[in-house]
Amino acid sequence: MSARDAKNGFGKLIDLARAEPVAIEKYGRSVVIVMAVEEYERLSGKTEKQRSGTKPAMGKGAKA
């Protein structure tokens, strides 16, 4: 999925990512993977409580 499509169809991206990891591309190159929290926790071995240092939303000045 292109970054533009992800931005314009964020709800669709969330729905897709809940079913399977989704690669987001910029200029034809994968730059990030969006996945369900459960999949992240399974892969990282961290629970929601343990990952309290991760940012749930973009802060002011973050790149979009």
N, C-alpha and C. Protein backbone atom coordinates (compact mmCIF):
# COMPACT_ATOMS: atom_id res chain seq x y z
N MET A 1 0.86 -1.17 0.00
CA MET A 1 0.00 0.00 0.00
C MET A 1 0.91 1.23 0.00
N SER A 2 0.57 2.20 -0.82
CA SER A 2 1.38 3.41 -0.86
C SER A 2 1.10 4.27 0.37
N ALA A 3 2.04 5.13 0.71
CA ALA A 3 1.86 6.04 1.85
C ALA A 3 0.64 6.92 1.62
N ARG A 4 0.43 7.34 0.39
CA ARG A 4 -0.73 8.19 0.07
C ARG A 4 -2.02 7.42 0.30
N ASP A 5 -2.08 6.17 -0.16
CA ASP A 5 -3.28 5.35 0.05
C ASP A 5 -3.51 5.11 1.55
N ALA A 6 -2.44 4.90 2.29
CA ALA A 6 -2.55 4.69 3.74
C ALA A 6 -3.12 5.94 4.41
N LYS A 7 -2.64 7.09 4.00
CA LYS A 7 -3.11 8.36 4.57
C LYS A 7 -4.57 8.61 4.23
N ASN A 8 -4.92 8.40 2.97
CA ASN A 8 -6.28 8.69 2.53
C ASN A 8 -7.29 7.62 2.94
N GLY A 9 -6.82 6.42 3.21
CA GLY A 9 -7.71 5.33 3.61
C GLY A 9 -7.27 4.70 4.91
N PHE A 10 -7.06 5.54 5.93
CA PHE A 10 -6.51 5.05 7.19
C PHE A 10 -7.40 3.98 7.83
N GLY A 11 -8.71 4.15 7.76
CA GLY A 11 -9.62 3.15 8.31
C GLY A 11 -9.45 1.81 7.63
N LYS A 12 -9.30 1.83 6.31
CA LYS A 12 -9.08 0.60 5.55
C LYS A 12 -7.75 -0.03 5.95
N LEU A 13 -6.72 0.80 6.13
CA LEU A 13 -5.41 0.30 6.56
C LEU A 13 -5.53 -0.43 7.89
N ILE A 14 -6.25 0.15 8.83
CA ILE A 14 -6.43 -0.48 10.13
C ILE A 14 -7.12 -1.83 9.98
N ASP A 15 -8.18 -1.87 9.17
CA ASP A 15 -8.89 -3.13 8.95
C ASP A 15 -7.98 -4.19 8.34
N LEU A 16 -7.20 -3.80 7.34
CA LEU A 16 -6.27 -4.74 6.69
C LEU A 16 -5.21 -5.23 7.68
N ALA A 17 -4.66 -4.30 8.46
CA ALA A 17 -3.57 -4.63 9.39
C ALA A 17 -4.04 -5.53 10.52
N ARG A 18 -5.32 -5.47 10.86
CA ARG A 18 -5.83 -6.37 11.90
C ARG A 18 -5.87 -7.80 11.41
N ALA A 19 -5.94 -7.99 10.08
CA ALA A 19 -5.97 -9.33 9.51
C ALA A 19 -4.57 -9.86 9.19
N GLU A 20 -3.68 -8.96 8.73
CA GLU A 20 -2.31 -9.36 8.39
C GLU A 20 -1.43 -8.11 8.30
N PRO A 21 -0.13 -8.25 8.51
CA PRO A 21 0.77 -7.10 8.40
C PRO A 21 0.69 -6.47 7.01
N VAL A 22 0.75 -5.13 6.98
CA VAL A 22 0.66 -4.38 5.72
C VAL A 22 1.92 -3.55 5.56
N ALA A 23 2.59 -3.70 4.42
CA ALA A 23 3.78 -2.89 4.11
C ALA A 23 3.31 -1.57 3.51
N ILE A 24 3.89 -0.47 4.00
CA ILE A 24 3.61 0.86 3.46
C ILE A 24 4.82 1.28 2.66
N GLU A 25 4.58 1.71 1.44
CA GLU A 25 5.66 2.07 0.52
C GLU A 25 5.71 3.56 0.25
N LYS A 26 6.92 4.05 0.09
CA LYS A 26 7.17 5.41 -0.37
C LYS A 26 8.12 5.30 -1.54
N TYR A 27 7.74 5.89 -2.64
CA TYR A 27 8.56 5.84 -3.86
C TYR A 27 8.88 4.40 -4.25
N GLY A 28 7.89 3.50 -4.08
CA GLY A 28 8.06 2.11 -4.49
C GLY A 28 8.90 1.25 -3.57
N ARG A 29 9.27 1.77 -2.41
CA ARG A 29 10.13 1.04 -1.46
C ARG A 29 9.41 0.90 -0.12
N SER A 30 9.33 -0.31 0.42
CA SER A 30 8.69 -0.51 1.72
C SER A 30 9.47 0.22 2.80
N VAL A 31 8.75 1.00 3.62
CA VAL A 31 9.41 1.77 4.67
C VAL A 31 8.93 1.41 6.07
N VAL A 32 7.70 0.95 6.21
CA VAL A 32 7.19 0.52 7.52
C VAL A 32 6.20 -0.62 7.32
N ILE A 33 5.97 -1.34 8.41
CA ILE A 33 4.96 -2.39 8.44
C ILE A 33 3.95 -2.02 9.52
N VAL A 34 2.67 -2.10 9.18
CA VAL A 34 1.60 -1.86 10.15
C VAL A 34 0.98 -3.21 10.46
N MET A 35 0.84 -3.50 11.76
CA MET A 35 0.28 -4.80 12.15
C MET A 35 -0.58 -4.65 13.39
N ALA A 36 -1.39 -5.67 13.63
CA ALA A 36 -2.25 -5.70 14.81
C ALA A 36 -1.39 -5.75 16.07
N VAL A 37 -1.92 -5.17 17.13
CA VAL A 37 -1.22 -5.16 18.42
C VAL A 37 -0.92 -6.59 18.87
N GLU A 38 -1.86 -7.48 18.68
CA GLU A 38 -1.66 -8.87 19.10
C GLU A 38 -0.47 -9.51 18.38
N GLU A 39 -0.33 -9.21 17.09
CA GLU A 39 0.80 -9.75 16.32
C GLU A 39 2.11 -9.13 16.81
N TYR A 40 2.11 -7.83 17.08
CA TYR A 40 3.30 -7.17 17.61
C TYR A 40 3.71 -7.80 18.94
N GLU A 41 2.74 -7.98 19.82
CA GLU A 41 3.03 -8.57 21.13
C GLU A 41 3.58 -9.98 20.99
N ARG A 42 3.02 -10.75 20.06
CA ARG A 42 3.51 -12.12 19.84
C ARG A 42 4.95 -12.11 19.36
N LEU A 43 5.26 -11.23 18.41
CA LEU A 43 6.62 -11.18 17.85
C LEU A 43 7.64 -10.59 18.82
N SER A 44 7.23 -9.57 19.56
CA SER A 44 8.18 -8.89 20.45
C SER A 44 8.26 -9.53 21.83
N GLY A 45 7.25 -10.30 22.18
CA GLY A 45 7.22 -10.88 23.52
C GLY A 45 6.81 -9.88 24.58
N LYS A 46 6.33 -8.72 24.16
CA LYS A 46 5.92 -7.68 25.10
C LYS A 46 4.40 -7.57 25.14
N THR A 47 3.88 -7.38 26.35
CA THR A 47 2.45 -7.13 26.51
C THR A 47 2.22 -5.63 26.50
N GLU A 48 0.95 -5.24 26.49
CA GLU A 48 0.61 -3.81 26.49
C GLU A 48 1.24 -3.10 27.68
N LYS A 49 1.22 -3.73 28.82
CA LYS A 49 1.78 -3.13 30.03
C LYS A 49 3.30 -2.95 29.91
N GLN A 50 3.98 -3.91 29.30
CA GLN A 50 5.43 -3.86 29.16
C GLN A 50 5.90 -2.86 28.12
N ARG A 51 5.06 -2.53 27.15
CA ARG A 51 5.48 -1.61 26.08
C ARG A 51 5.01 -0.19 26.34
N SER A 52 4.92 0.18 27.59
CA SER A 52 4.43 1.51 27.95
C SER A 52 5.28 2.63 27.36
N GLY A 53 6.50 2.33 26.91
CA GLY A 53 7.35 3.35 26.31
C GLY A 53 7.05 3.63 24.86
N THR A 54 6.22 2.80 24.21
CA THR A 54 5.89 3.05 22.81
C THR A 54 4.86 4.15 22.71
N LYS A 55 4.95 4.94 21.67
CA LYS A 55 4.05 6.07 21.51
C LYS A 55 2.79 5.64 20.76
N PRO A 56 1.61 5.79 21.38
CA PRO A 56 0.37 5.38 20.73
C PRO A 56 -0.09 6.34 19.64
N ALA A 57 0.37 7.59 19.69
CA ALA A 57 -0.04 8.58 18.69
C ALA A 57 1.14 9.47 18.38
N MET A 58 1.07 10.13 17.24
CA MET A 58 2.16 11.02 16.84
C MET A 58 2.12 12.29 17.68
N GLY A 59 3.28 12.69 18.15
CA GLY A 59 3.38 13.93 18.90
C GLY A 59 3.61 15.11 17.99
N LYS A 60 3.56 16.28 18.55
CA LYS A 60 3.78 17.50 17.79
C LYS A 60 5.20 17.48 17.21
N GLY A 61 5.30 17.77 15.94
CA GLY A 61 6.60 17.81 15.29
C GLY A 61 7.05 16.48 14.71
N ALA A 62 6.25 15.43 14.88
CA ALA A 62 6.62 14.13 14.33
C ALA A 62 6.42 14.13 12.83
N LYS A 63 7.26 13.39 12.13
CA LYS A 63 7.11 13.28 10.68
C LYS A 63 5.93 12.40 10.36
N ALA A 64 5.17 12.80 9.35
CA ALA A 64 4.02 11.99 8.93
C ALA A 64 4.31 11.32 7.62
